[in-house]
């Protein structure tokens, strides 16, 4: 995140048993607001039958088996401080989970999904890499990112692709993008209007013009590298 907001607390009066002191001459305490640190967790998954990428989405995710995980840790500016050069299997399917903490140490990624009205203002994108997307291939060898939350924080169901956000999602890079080191940004965008989210399709997740097409502001931008292939 590129900008921090500061909330200034009013000075308090400290009362003792015998004396009362005014704190008006003391420095005013500052409480930082926003996200202090965050992580992206990539967990490889596998399945049977027609499991894998199909067009702009995945089959078999609900019954998939989880394997090894890799974690990228980011500072408050969205810079990777650990694990920022990620090695993936080109044909692997990965669950991606965002975790985020505020300056008081509280986990806050769930705040974006606490109910439908809140989640309607947010969507995650994976930008950069000049990727070949799966719908543009004839052999299912391109990249797919599918946000896939099932419930909101209040327990109600997330209904269909237009309501998903991408705090939880699934990703494959695909053999068409194998070889080079790719610069990728995970972007969580807040929209000016909730109606904007209903216009975002499953093929818009890598759109370089997302900022002009979907008015709002980026509240989180996490930059990292991906290298896909078996020559790790």
C-alpha atoms as a PDB file:
ATOM      1  CA  UNK A   1       0.000   0.000   0.000  1.00  0.00           C
ATOM      2  CA  UNK A   2       1.439   3.305  -1.089  1.00  0.00           C
ATOM      3  CA  UNK A   3      -0.177   5.720   1.371  1.00  0.00           C
ATOM      4  CA  UNK A   4      -0.783   5.594   5.079  1.00  0.00           C
ATOM      5  CA  UNK A   5      -3.563   7.405   6.887  1.00  0.00           C
ATOM      6  CA  UNK A   6      -3.011   8.695  10.399  1.00  0.00           C
ATOM      7  CA  UNK A   7      -5.687   9.029  13.051  1.00  0.00           C
ATOM      8  CA  UNK A   8      -4.886  11.490  15.805  1.00  0.00           C
ATOM      9  CA  UNK A   9      -6.143  10.669  19.289  1.00  0.00           C
ATOM     10  CA  UNK A  10      -7.248  13.506  21.583  1.00  0.00           C
ATOM     11  CA  UNK A  11      -5.070  13.984  24.685  1.00  0.00           C
ATOM     12  CA  UNK A  12      -6.471  12.257  27.757  1.00  0.00           C
ATOM     13  CA  UNK A  13      -6.539  13.445  31.343  1.00  0.00           C
ATOM     14  CA  UNK A  14      -4.647  11.187  33.716  1.00  0.00           C
ATOM     15  CA  UNK A  15      -6.182  11.138  37.186  1.00  0.00           C
ATOM     16  CA  UNK A  16      -4.332   9.803  40.253  1.00  0.00           C
ATOM     17  CA  UNK A  17      -5.555   9.234  43.780  1.00  0.00           C
ATOM     18  CA  UNK A  18      -4.254  12.627  44.988  1.00  0.00           C
ATOM     19  CA  UNK A  19      -3.172  14.716  41.993  1.00  0.00           C
ATOM     20  CA  UNK A  20      -4.546  15.405  38.516  1.00  0.00           C
ATOM     21  CA  UNK A  21      -2.086  16.248  35.736  1.00  0.00           C
ATOM     22  CA  UNK A  22      -2.908  17.875  32.423  1.00  0.00           C
ATOM     23  CA  UNK A  23      -1.362  16.137  29.375  1.00  0.00           C
ATOM     24  CA  UNK A  24      -1.925  19.104  27.084  1.00  0.00           C
ATOM     25  CA  UNK A  25       1.823  19.678  26.748  1.00  0.00           C
ATOM     26  CA  UNK A  26       2.618  16.031  25.911  1.00  0.00           C
ATOM     27  CA  UNK A  27       2.982  14.851  22.286  1.00  0.00           C
ATOM     28  CA  UNK A  28      -0.288  13.615  20.866  1.00  0.00           C
ATOM     29  CA  UNK A  29      -0.228   9.856  20.299  1.00  0.00           C
ATOM     30  CA  UNK A  30      -0.498   8.730  16.683  1.00  0.00           C
ATOM     31  CA  UNK A  31      -2.305   5.547  15.624  1.00  0.00           C
ATOM     32  CA  UNK A  32      -1.396   4.373  12.126  1.00  0.00           C
ATOM     33  CA  UNK A  33      -4.264   3.076  10.018  1.00  0.00           C
ATOM     34  CA  UNK A  34      -4.034   0.763   7.021  1.00  0.00           C
ATOM     35  CA  UNK A  35      -2.108  -2.434   6.333  1.00  0.00           C
ATOM     36  CA  UNK A  36       1.303  -2.850   7.921  1.00  0.00           C
ATOM     37  CA  UNK A  37       2.168  -6.193   6.308  1.00  0.00           C
ATOM     38  CA  UNK A  38       0.599  -8.869   4.131  1.00  0.00           C
ATOM     39  CA  UNK A  39       1.248 -12.286   2.632  1.00  0.00           C
ATOM     40  CA  UNK A  40       0.245 -14.288  -0.416  1.00  0.00           C
ATOM     41  CA  UNK A  41       0.198 -18.047   0.147  1.00  0.00           C
ATOM     42  CA  UNK A  42       0.447 -20.269  -2.932  1.00  0.00           C
ATOM     43  CA  UNK A  43      -0.599 -23.883  -2.282  1.00  0.00           C
ATOM     44  CA  UNK A  44      -0.352 -26.396  -5.124  1.00  0.00           C
ATOM     45  CA  UNK A  45      -3.444 -28.574  -5.487  1.00  0.00           C
ATOM     46  CA  UNK A  46      -4.205 -31.696  -7.511  1.00  0.00           C
ATOM     47  CA  UNK A  47      -7.270 -33.660  -8.515  1.00  0.00           C
ATOM     48  CA  UNK A  48      -8.669 -36.413 -10.666  1.00  0.00           C
ATOM     49  CA  UNK A  49     -10.807 -36.714 -13.766  1.00  0.00           C
ATOM     50  CA  UNK A  50     -11.258 -33.429 -15.614  1.00  0.00           C
ATOM     51  CA  UNK A  51      -9.477 -31.470 -12.882  1.00  0.00           C
ATOM     52  CA  UNK A  52      -7.693 -28.376 -14.172  1.00  0.00           C
ATOM     53  CA  UNK A  53      -8.168 -25.291 -16.302  1.00  0.00           C
ATOM     54  CA  UNK A  54     -11.116 -25.186 -18.662  1.00  0.00           C
ATOM     55  CA  UNK A  55     -11.520 -21.940 -20.566  1.00  0.00           C
ATOM     56  CA  UNK A  56     -11.665 -19.102 -18.030  1.00  0.00           C
ATOM     57  CA  UNK A  57     -12.174 -21.262 -14.899  1.00  0.00           C
ATOM     58  CA  UNK A  58     -11.250 -24.539 -13.169  1.00  0.00           C
ATOM     59  CA  UNK A  59     -12.951 -27.893 -12.736  1.00  0.00           C
ATOM     60  CA  UNK A  60     -12.562 -30.128  -9.694  1.00  0.00           C
ATOM     61  CA  UNK A  61     -11.447 -27.439  -7.245  1.00  0.00           C
ATOM     62  CA  UNK A  62     -13.926 -28.419  -4.529  1.00  0.00           C
ATOM     63  CA  UNK A  63     -12.530 -31.956  -4.202  1.00  0.00           C
ATOM     64  CA  UNK A  64      -8.855 -31.159  -4.843  1.00  0.00           C
ATOM     65  CA  UNK A  65      -6.011 -32.299  -2.600  1.00  0.00           C
ATOM     66  CA  UNK A  66      -3.601 -29.711  -1.210  1.00  0.00           C
ATOM     67  CA  UNK A  67       0.176 -30.094  -1.479  1.00  0.00           C
ATOM     68  CA  UNK A  68       3.148 -27.870  -0.682  1.00  0.00           C
ATOM     69  CA  UNK A  69       2.815 -24.153   0.016  1.00  0.00           C
ATOM     70  CA  UNK A  70       5.034 -21.131  -0.667  1.00  0.00           C
ATOM     71  CA  UNK A  71       4.556 -17.797   1.092  1.00  0.00           C
ATOM     72  CA  UNK A  72       5.511 -14.316  -0.090  1.00  0.00           C
ATOM     73  CA  UNK A  73       5.680 -11.682   2.639  1.00  0.00           C
ATOM     74  CA  UNK A  74       5.227  -7.973   1.894  1.00  0.00           C
ATOM     75  CA  UNK A  75       5.827  -4.732   3.780  1.00  0.00           C
ATOM     76  CA  UNK A  76       3.448  -1.796   4.060  1.00  0.00           C
ATOM     77  CA  UNK A  77       4.522  -0.495   0.658  1.00  0.00           C
ATOM     78  CA  UNK A  78       3.760  -3.789  -1.104  1.00  0.00           C
ATOM     79  CA  UNK A  79       7.418  -4.733  -1.559  1.00  0.00           C
ATOM     80  CA  UNK A  80       8.286  -8.413  -1.157  1.00  0.00           C
ATOM     81  CA  UNK A  81      10.553  -8.883   1.855  1.00  0.00           C
ATOM     82  CA  UNK A  82      10.615 -12.690   1.731  1.00  0.00           C
ATOM     83  CA  UNK A  83       9.896 -15.222  -1.015  1.00  0.00           C
ATOM     84  CA  UNK A  84       9.442 -12.582  -3.703  1.00  0.00           C
ATOM     85  CA  UNK A  85      10.880 -14.745  -6.506  1.00  0.00           C
ATOM     86  CA  UNK A  86       8.338 -17.549  -6.776  1.00  0.00           C
ATOM     87  CA  UNK A  87       8.970 -20.823  -8.615  1.00  0.00           C
ATOM     88  CA  UNK A  88       5.863 -22.521  -9.988  1.00  0.00           C
ATOM     89  CA  UNK A  89       5.207 -25.529 -12.179  1.00  0.00           C
ATOM     90  CA  UNK A  90       3.855 -24.180 -15.439  1.00  0.00           C
ATOM     91  CA  UNK A  91       0.985 -26.667 -15.512  1.00  0.00           C
ATOM     92  CA  UNK A  92       0.401 -26.581 -11.744  1.00  0.00           C
ATOM     93  CA  UNK A  93      -2.811 -25.288 -10.174  1.00  0.00           C
ATOM     94  CA  UNK A  94      -2.362 -23.146  -7.062  1.00  0.00           C
ATOM     95  CA  UNK A  95      -4.692 -21.861  -4.393  1.00  0.00           C
ATOM     96  CA  UNK A  96      -3.826 -18.227  -3.592  1.00  0.00           C
ATOM     97  CA  UNK A  97      -4.775 -16.784  -0.216  1.00  0.00           C
ATOM     98  CA  UNK A  98      -4.286 -13.178   0.877  1.00  0.00           C
ATOM     99  CA  UNK A  99      -3.506 -12.483   4.517  1.00  0.00           C
ATOM    100  CA  UNK A 100      -3.143  -8.923   5.836  1.00  0.00           C
ATOM    101  CA  UNK A 101      -2.487  -7.277   9.198  1.00  0.00           C
ATOM    102  CA  UNK A 102      -3.135  -3.741  10.425  1.00  0.00           C
ATOM    103  CA  UNK A 103      -0.762  -1.727  12.635  1.00  0.00           C
ATOM    104  CA  UNK A 104      -2.396  -3.123  15.769  1.00  0.00           C
ATOM    105  CA  UNK A 105      -1.572  -6.696  14.695  1.00  0.00           C
ATOM    106  CA  UNK A 106      -5.115  -7.653  13.690  1.00  0.00           C
ATOM    107  CA  UNK A 107      -5.880  -9.813  10.650  1.00  0.00           C
ATOM    108  CA  UNK A 108      -7.965  -7.648   8.322  1.00  0.00           C
ATOM    109  CA  UNK A 109      -8.353  -9.417   4.959  1.00  0.00           C
ATOM    110  CA  UNK A 110     -11.772 -10.645   6.094  1.00  0.00           C
ATOM    111  CA  UNK A 111     -12.941  -7.040   6.426  1.00  0.00           C
ATOM    112  CA  UNK A 112     -13.264  -6.847   2.630  1.00  0.00           C
ATOM    113  CA  UNK A 113     -15.670  -9.812   2.662  1.00  0.00           C
ATOM    114  CA  UNK A 114     -17.672  -9.165   5.830  1.00  0.00           C
ATOM    115  CA  UNK A 115     -20.947  -8.944   3.849  1.00  0.00           C
ATOM    116  CA  UNK A 116     -22.128  -8.565   0.263  1.00  0.00           C
ATOM    117  CA  UNK A 117     -22.508  -4.789   0.471  1.00  0.00           C
ATOM    118  CA  UNK A 118     -18.856  -4.436   1.469  1.00  0.00           C
ATOM    119  CA  UNK A 119     -17.478  -7.041  -0.947  1.00  0.00           C
ATOM    120  CA  UNK A 120     -19.322  -5.401  -3.868  1.00  0.00           C
ATOM    121  CA  UNK A 121     -16.747  -2.600  -3.663  1.00  0.00           C
ATOM    122  CA  UNK A 122     -13.650  -4.809  -4.071  1.00  0.00           C
ATOM    123  CA  UNK A 123     -12.002  -7.077  -6.650  1.00  0.00           C
ATOM    124  CA  UNK A 124      -8.536  -8.594  -6.960  1.00  0.00           C
ATOM    125  CA  UNK A 125      -6.498  -8.562 -10.173  1.00  0.00           C
ATOM    126  CA  UNK A 126      -3.176 -10.136 -11.190  1.00  0.00           C
ATOM    127  CA  UNK A 127      -1.569  -7.548 -13.435  1.00  0.00           C
ATOM    128  CA  UNK A 128       1.527  -7.751 -15.639  1.00  0.00           C
ATOM    129  CA  UNK A 129       3.578 -10.530 -17.145  1.00  0.00           C
ATOM    130  CA  UNK A 130       2.217 -10.044 -20.694  1.00  0.00           C
ATOM    131  CA  UNK A 131       0.460 -13.358 -20.121  1.00  0.00           C
ATOM    132  CA  UNK A 132      -1.240 -15.602 -22.651  1.00  0.00           C
ATOM    133  CA  UNK A 133      -4.688 -16.217 -21.162  1.00  0.00           C
ATOM    134  CA  UNK A 134      -6.281 -19.630 -21.402  1.00  0.00           C
ATOM    135  CA  UNK A 135      -9.353 -18.543 -23.417  1.00  0.00           C
ATOM    136  CA  UNK A 136      -6.915 -17.342 -26.126  1.00  0.00           C
ATOM    137  CA  UNK A 137      -5.374 -20.824 -26.554  1.00  0.00           C
ATOM    138  CA  UNK A 138      -6.655 -23.859 -28.419  1.00  0.00           C
ATOM    139  CA  UNK A 139      -4.841 -26.365 -26.204  1.00  0.00           C
ATOM    140  CA  UNK A 140      -5.766 -25.094 -22.682  1.00  0.00           C
ATOM    141  CA  UNK A 141      -2.154 -24.006 -22.075  1.00  0.00           C
ATOM    142  CA  UNK A 142      -2.729 -20.422 -20.927  1.00  0.00           C
ATOM    143  CA  UNK A 143      -3.133 -18.655 -17.602  1.00  0.00           C
ATOM    144  CA  UNK A 144      -6.270 -18.629 -15.452  1.00  0.00           C
ATOM    145  CA  UNK A 145      -7.024 -16.717 -12.239  1.00  0.00           C
ATOM    146  CA  UNK A 146     -10.384 -17.561 -10.690  1.00  0.00           C
ATOM    147  CA  UNK A 147     -11.523 -15.802  -7.488  1.00  0.00           C
ATOM    148  CA  UNK A 148     -13.574 -18.351  -5.567  1.00  0.00           C
ATOM    149  CA  UNK A 149     -14.911 -17.316  -2.173  1.00  0.00           C
ATOM    150  CA  UNK A 150     -17.948 -19.384  -1.160  1.00  0.00           C
ATOM    151  CA  UNK A 151     -19.377 -17.342   1.732  1.00  0.00           C
ATOM    152  CA  UNK A 152     -19.250 -13.814   3.101  1.00  0.00           C
ATOM    153  CA  UNK A 153     -18.152 -13.132   6.653  1.00  0.00           C
ATOM    154  CA  UNK A 154     -21.773 -12.966   7.816  1.00  0.00           C
ATOM    155  CA  UNK A 155     -22.351 -16.535   6.604  1.00  0.00           C
ATOM    156  CA  UNK A 156     -24.407 -15.774   3.501  1.00  0.00           C
ATOM    157  CA  UNK A 157     -23.467 -17.439   0.228  1.00  0.00           C
ATOM    158  CA  UNK A 158     -21.373 -15.814  -2.496  1.00  0.00           C
ATOM    159  CA  UNK A 159     -23.457 -16.270  -5.625  1.00  0.00           C
ATOM    160  CA  UNK A 160     -21.647 -16.742  -8.928  1.00  0.00           C
ATOM    161  CA  UNK A 161     -18.576 -15.307 -10.589  1.00  0.00           C
ATOM    162  CA  UNK A 162     -19.652 -11.660 -10.440  1.00  0.00           C
ATOM    163  CA  UNK A 163     -19.752 -11.661  -6.625  1.00  0.00           C
ATOM    164  CA  UNK A 164     -16.353 -13.270  -6.002  1.00  0.00           C
ATOM    165  CA  UNK A 165     -13.527 -10.979  -4.885  1.00  0.00           C
ATOM    166  CA  UNK A 166     -10.165 -12.792  -4.954  1.00  0.00           C
ATOM    167  CA  UNK A 167      -9.080 -12.762  -1.333  1.00  0.00           C
ATOM    168  CA  UNK A 168      -9.198 -16.500  -2.072  1.00  0.00           C
ATOM    169  CA  UNK A 169      -8.546 -17.592  -5.646  1.00  0.00           C
ATOM    170  CA  UNK A 170      -7.043 -20.266  -7.872  1.00  0.00           C
ATOM    171  CA  UNK A 171      -4.312 -19.773 -10.454  1.00  0.00           C
ATOM    172  CA  UNK A 172      -2.368 -21.564 -13.150  1.00  0.00           C
ATOM    173  CA  UNK A 173       0.299 -19.953 -15.294  1.00  0.00           C
ATOM    174  CA  UNK A 174       0.128 -22.473 -18.118  1.00  0.00           C
ATOM    175  CA  UNK A 175       2.806 -23.838 -20.413  1.00  0.00           C
ATOM    176  CA  UNK A 176       2.280 -20.966 -22.882  1.00  0.00           C
ATOM    177  CA  UNK A 177       3.866 -18.671 -20.254  1.00  0.00           C
ATOM    178  CA  UNK A 178       6.739 -20.967 -19.284  1.00  0.00           C
ATOM    179  CA  UNK A 179      10.386 -19.904 -19.199  1.00  0.00           C
ATOM    180  CA  UNK A 180      10.857 -16.201 -18.548  1.00  0.00           C
ATOM    181  CA  UNK A 181      10.758 -14.508 -15.140  1.00  0.00           C
ATOM    182  CA  UNK A 182       7.497 -12.578 -15.004  1.00  0.00           C
ATOM    183  CA  UNK A 183       6.785  -9.422 -12.991  1.00  0.00           C
ATOM    184  CA  UNK A 184       3.329  -9.690 -11.446  1.00  0.00           C
ATOM    185  CA  UNK A 185       1.272  -7.446  -9.162  1.00  0.00           C
ATOM    186  CA  UNK A 186      -1.591  -8.646  -7.011  1.00  0.00           C
ATOM    187  CA  UNK A 187      -3.921  -5.637  -6.866  1.00  0.00           C
ATOM    188  CA  UNK A 188      -6.930  -5.254  -4.602  1.00  0.00           C
ATOM    189  CA  UNK A 189      -9.053  -2.453  -6.038  1.00  0.00           C
ATOM    190  CA  UNK A 190     -11.827  -0.489  -4.366  1.00  0.00           C
ATOM    191  CA  UNK A 191     -14.471   0.734  -6.804  1.00  0.00           C
ATOM    192  CA  UNK A 192     -16.175   4.104  -6.802  1.00  0.00           C
ATOM    193  CA  UNK A 193     -19.512   2.365  -7.359  1.00  0.00           C
ATOM    194  CA  UNK A 194     -20.594  -1.181  -6.399  1.00  0.00           C
ATOM    195  CA  UNK A 195     -22.205  -1.568  -9.821  1.00  0.00           C
ATOM    196  CA  UNK A 196     -18.726  -1.689 -11.353  1.00  0.00           C
ATOM    197  CA  UNK A 197     -18.048  -5.162  -9.970  1.00  0.00           C
ATOM    198  CA  UNK A 198     -20.993  -6.631 -11.881  1.00  0.00           C
ATOM    199  CA  UNK A 199     -19.285  -5.716 -15.175  1.00  0.00           C
ATOM    200  CA  UNK A 200     -16.021  -7.569 -14.505  1.00  0.00           C
ATOM    201  CA  UNK A 201     -15.745 -10.914 -16.283  1.00  0.00           C
ATOM    202  CA  UNK A 202     -13.384 -13.822 -15.604  1.00  0.00           C
ATOM    203  CA  UNK A 203     -11.087 -12.709 -18.431  1.00  0.00           C
ATOM    204  CA  UNK A 204     -10.526  -9.197 -17.004  1.00  0.00           C
ATOM    205  CA  UNK A 205      -8.178 -10.251 -14.200  1.00  0.00           C
ATOM    206  CA  UNK A 206      -5.009  -9.449 -16.203  1.00  0.00           C
ATOM    207  CA  UNK A 207      -6.274  -6.366 -18.061  1.00  0.00           C
ATOM    208  CA  UNK A 208      -3.553  -3.709 -18.156  1.00  0.00           C
ATOM    209  CA  UNK A 209      -6.224  -0.999 -18.543  1.00  0.00           C
ATOM    210  CA  UNK A 210      -8.180  -2.112 -15.476  1.00  0.00           C
ATOM    211  CA  UNK A 211      -7.659   1.246 -13.735  1.00  0.00           C
ATOM    212  CA  UNK A 212      -9.445   3.202 -16.471  1.00  0.00           C
ATOM    213  CA  UNK A 213     -12.116   0.593 -17.144  1.00  0.00           C
ATOM    214  CA  UNK A 214     -13.045   0.077 -13.501  1.00  0.00           C
ATOM    215  CA  UNK A 215     -13.027   3.474 -11.692  1.00  0.00           C
ATOM    216  CA  UNK A 216     -11.757   3.512  -8.134  1.00  0.00           C
ATOM    217  CA  UNK A 217      -8.468   3.214  -6.279  1.00  0.00           C
ATOM    218  CA  UNK A 218      -5.940   0.476  -5.535  1.00  0.00           C
ATOM    219  CA  UNK A 219      -5.917  -0.193  -1.806  1.00  0.00           C
ATOM    220  CA  UNK A 220      -3.262  -2.918  -1.979  1.00  0.00           C
ATOM    221  CA  UNK A 221      -0.559  -3.559  -4.585  1.00  0.00           C
ATOM    222  CA  UNK A 222       1.806  -6.488  -3.984  1.00  0.00           C
ATOM    223  CA  UNK A 223       4.727  -6.878  -6.403  1.00  0.00           C
ATOM    224  CA  UNK A 224       6.562 -10.170  -6.966  1.00  0.00           C
ATOM    225  CA  UNK A 225       8.262 -12.363  -9.583  1.00  0.00           C
ATOM    226  CA  UNK A 226       7.155 -15.711 -10.990  1.00  0.00           C
ATOM    227  CA  UNK A 227       9.372 -18.152 -12.798  1.00  0.00           C
ATOM    228  CA  UNK A 228       7.530 -21.120 -14.293  1.00  0.00           C
ATOM    229  CA  UNK A 229       9.146 -24.316 -15.444  1.00  0.00           C
ATOM    230  CA  UNK A 230      10.995 -27.365 -14.188  1.00  0.00           C
ATOM    231  CA  UNK A 231      14.496 -25.823 -14.520  1.00  0.00           C
ATOM    232  CA  UNK A 232      14.408 -24.378 -10.977  1.00  0.00           C
END
